[in-house]
Every structure is written in C-alpha cells, then in structure tokens.
Protein backbone atom coordinates (compact mmCIF):
# COMPACT_ATOMS: atom_id res chain seq x y z
CA MET A 1 0.13 0.02 0.25
CA GLY A 2 3.09 2.27 0.75
CA LYS A 3 4.12 1.40 -2.91
CA ASP A 4 0.80 2.90 -4.23
CA LYS A 5 1.19 5.80 -2.17
CA GLU A 6 4.50 6.73 -3.51
CA VAL A 7 3.52 5.63 -7.26
CA LYS A 8 0.57 8.41 -7.17
CA GLU A 9 2.81 10.99 -5.41
CA HIS A 10 5.18 10.90 -7.97
CA SER A 11 2.58 10.82 -10.78
CA HIS A 12 1.29 13.64 -9.19
CA GLU A 13 4.49 15.57 -9.11
CA GLN A 14 5.19 14.45 -12.90
CA ASN A 15 1.59 15.78 -13.77
CA GLU A 16 2.19 19.28 -11.59
CA LEU A 17 5.42 19.74 -13.40
CA GLN A 18 4.13 19.00 -16.97
CA ASN A 19 1.34 21.68 -15.95
CA MET A 20 4.00 23.89 -15.15
CA TYR A 21 6.27 23.27 -18.49
CA ILE A 22 2.89 23.90 -20.46
CA GLU A 23 2.10 27.55 -18.31
CA LEU A 24 6.12 28.18 -19.04
CA GLN A 25 5.37 28.05 -22.80
CA ILE A 26 2.47 30.24 -22.42
CA LEU A 27 4.24 33.10 -20.76
CA ASP A 28 6.91 32.96 -22.96
CA GLN A 29 4.48 33.47 -25.87
CA GLN A 30 2.70 36.43 -23.97
CA ILE A 31 6.42 37.76 -22.83
CA LYS A 32 6.95 37.67 -26.46
CA GLN A 33 3.78 39.37 -27.84
CA ALA A 34 3.99 42.11 -25.12
CA GLN A 35 7.63 42.67 -25.58
CA LYS A 36 6.46 42.84 -29.83
CA GLN A 37 3.65 45.39 -28.84
CA LEU A 38 6.34 47.57 -26.55
CA GLU A 39 8.51 47.66 -30.08
CA HIS A 40 5.40 49.25 -31.48
CA PHE A 41 4.52 51.58 -29.05
CA GLU A 42 8.23 52.70 -29.25
CA GLN A 43 8.31 53.21 -32.78
CA GLN A 44 5.12 55.15 -32.79
CA VAL A 45 6.13 57.57 -30.07
CA GLY A 46 9.17 57.71 -32.29
CA GLU A 47 6.97 59.08 -35.63
CA LEU A 48 4.87 61.29 -33.56
CA ALA A 49 8.07 62.78 -32.09
CA VAL A 50 9.50 63.45 -35.41
CA THR A 51 5.76 64.72 -36.51
CA VAL A 52 5.72 67.42 -34.01
CA GLU A 53 9.28 68.47 -34.78
CA ALA A 54 8.00 68.57 -38.20
CA LEU A 55 5.17 70.92 -37.05
CA ASP A 56 7.41 73.46 -35.19
CA SER A 57 9.66 73.80 -38.54
CA LEU A 58 6.44 74.36 -40.64
CA LYS A 59 5.87 77.72 -38.65
CA ASP A 60 9.27 78.80 -40.19
CA ILE A 61 8.51 78.00 -43.83
CA LYS A 62 7.01 80.45 -45.94
CA PRO A 63 4.05 80.40 -48.27
CA GLY A 64 5.33 79.94 -51.40
CA THR A 65 8.44 77.98 -50.69
CA ARG A 66 8.82 74.71 -53.02
CA LEU A 67 9.02 71.11 -50.65
CA LEU A 68 9.39 68.03 -51.67
CA VAL A 69 6.60 65.63 -50.52
CA PRO A 70 6.91 62.17 -49.75
CA LEU A 71 4.42 60.27 -50.94
CA ASN A 72 5.89 56.47 -49.90
CA SER A 73 9.41 55.37 -48.89
CA GLY A 74 11.91 57.22 -50.90
CA ILE A 75 8.89 59.01 -53.23
CA PHE A 76 8.63 62.49 -53.50
CA VAL A 77 6.31 64.76 -55.19
CA GLU A 78 7.58 68.69 -55.45
CA ALA A 79 5.05 71.06 -54.05
CA GLU A 80 4.46 74.45 -52.87
CA LEU A 81 3.37 75.50 -49.50
CA LYS A 82 0.29 77.63 -49.66
CA ASP A 83 -0.77 77.92 -46.40
CA ASN A 84 1.79 77.11 -43.22
CA THR A 85 -1.12 77.53 -40.67
CA ASN A 86 -3.75 75.49 -41.20
CA LEU A 87 -3.39 72.07 -41.90
CA LYS A 88 -5.74 69.17 -43.32
CA VAL A 89 -6.11 66.23 -40.60
CA ASN A 90 -7.86 62.92 -40.57
CA VAL A 91 -9.79 62.30 -38.24
CA GLY A 92 -11.05 58.64 -39.43
CA ALA A 93 -13.08 57.36 -42.30
CA ASN A 94 -11.38 59.27 -45.04
CA ILE A 95 -13.08 62.44 -43.07
CA ASN A 96 -9.95 65.46 -43.07
CA VAL A 97 -10.53 68.99 -40.87
CA SER A 98 -9.16 71.75 -41.36
CA LYS A 99 -6.72 72.26 -37.91
CA THR A 100 -4.12 74.81 -36.94
CA VAL A 101 -0.24 73.83 -36.26
CA ASP A 102 -0.95 74.30 -32.60
CA GLU A 103 -4.22 72.29 -32.57
CA THR A 104 -2.68 69.59 -34.47
CA LYS A 105 0.35 69.48 -32.51
CA LYS A 106 -2.11 68.78 -29.38
CA LEU A 107 -4.30 66.36 -30.50
CA ILE A 108 -0.51 64.45 -31.29
CA GLU A 109 0.53 65.37 -27.78
CA GLU A 110 -2.60 63.80 -26.35
CA GLN A 111 -2.14 60.84 -28.57
CA LEU A 112 1.05 60.49 -27.21
CA ASN A 113 0.03 60.51 -23.90
CA GLU A 114 -2.52 57.67 -24.62
CA ILE A 115 0.40 55.24 -26.04
CA LYS A 116 2.75 56.17 -22.86
CA ALA A 117 -0.08 55.31 -20.47
CA TYR A 118 -1.01 52.15 -22.57
CA ARG A 119 2.72 51.30 -22.55
CA GLU A 120 2.95 51.80 -18.81
CA LYS A 121 0.27 49.44 -18.27
CA LEU A 122 1.58 46.89 -20.89
CA PHE A 123 5.26 47.20 -19.25
CA ILE A 124 3.78 46.42 -15.89
CA LYS A 125 1.92 43.55 -17.45
CA LEU A 126 5.53 42.28 -18.63
CA GLN A 127 7.30 42.52 -15.09
CA THR A 128 4.16 40.20 -13.76
CA LEU A 129 4.70 37.65 -16.82
CA VAL A 130 8.27 37.69 -16.08
CA ALA A 131 7.96 37.16 -12.36
CA ARG A 132 5.72 34.18 -12.99
CA ALA A 133 7.73 32.75 -15.54
CA GLN A 134 11.20 33.24 -12.65
CA SER A 135 8.42 31.83 -9.97
CA ILE A 136 8.32 28.46 -11.79
CA GLU A 137 11.36 28.21 -13.59
CA ARG A 138 12.72 28.37 -9.87
CA HIS A 139 9.95 25.54 -8.76
CA VAL A 140 10.76 23.05 -11.75
CA SER A 141 14.56 23.61 -10.58
CA GLU A 142 13.75 22.87 -7.39
CA HIS A 143 11.87 19.90 -8.19
CA GLU A 144 14.41 18.73 -11.23
CA ALA A 145 17.53 18.73 -7.89
CA GLU A 146 15.25 16.07 -6.02
C-alpha cells in the first residue's frame, strides 16, 4: 500500500511539473507578444515625435516655398506651400478637418499621452509575466534537483 501511495505522489508531481512546463510555454508566448507590442509603441512614439518636430519647423517655412513631399518611402513629389498655419487632419473614415498647427500638435500630444499610458500598463503586465515565469522556473529547478 505504501508503494501505491509513492507511485501516486510521483505521478502527481510529474503531472504538476508537466502543467508548469505548459504554463511556462504560454508565459513565454505572452512575454514575446508584450515585448513586440512595446517595440511597436516605441516606434509610434518616435514617429509622433518626428511629426511634432516637423510641425514646429513648418512655422518657419514661408508660403510659396517649394517642397519635396513624401508619397512613400523614397518617393517624393514637388509641391508649393500655400499655407503654413492650417493643416488638413484625417479624423477617420477618410474625413479631413482643418486644424491649426497648434491644434494639431495638441492632438498629437494627446495621442502620445495615450500611447505612453498603454505602454506603462503593458510594461507592468510584462514585469508580472516575467516574475511568474521566473517563479515557475525556480519551482521546476527545485523539483529537478530532488
């Protein structure tokens, strides 16, 4: 009877270790996904910062100045600036509204704040996932050492 109990305990431990390995794999995928999202947020923050700089320098460009306007990566069209104070901003569903440079900068700053808030929440979630994975790894190592 003692042998049966020992076999059951060993089987239970093996089952528990197997579940931990599965959880580790799931956590690994979640960690990778969170890291990828954080990289995407960093890229967005960088792009928006460049846009703010461009808006700041737009004020210094005089109407009538000829510019190269990017259509795509490495493809430009020559254009003439008619107004350096009003912009057309896409607000969704292909609807454009007129905004001043300052209004546009404020809109971008709001977007930046939202992205930074999401980034902070995601970073905290990532730390939680990593801590859980480390805890499981320690537990598995302890069992393997026995």
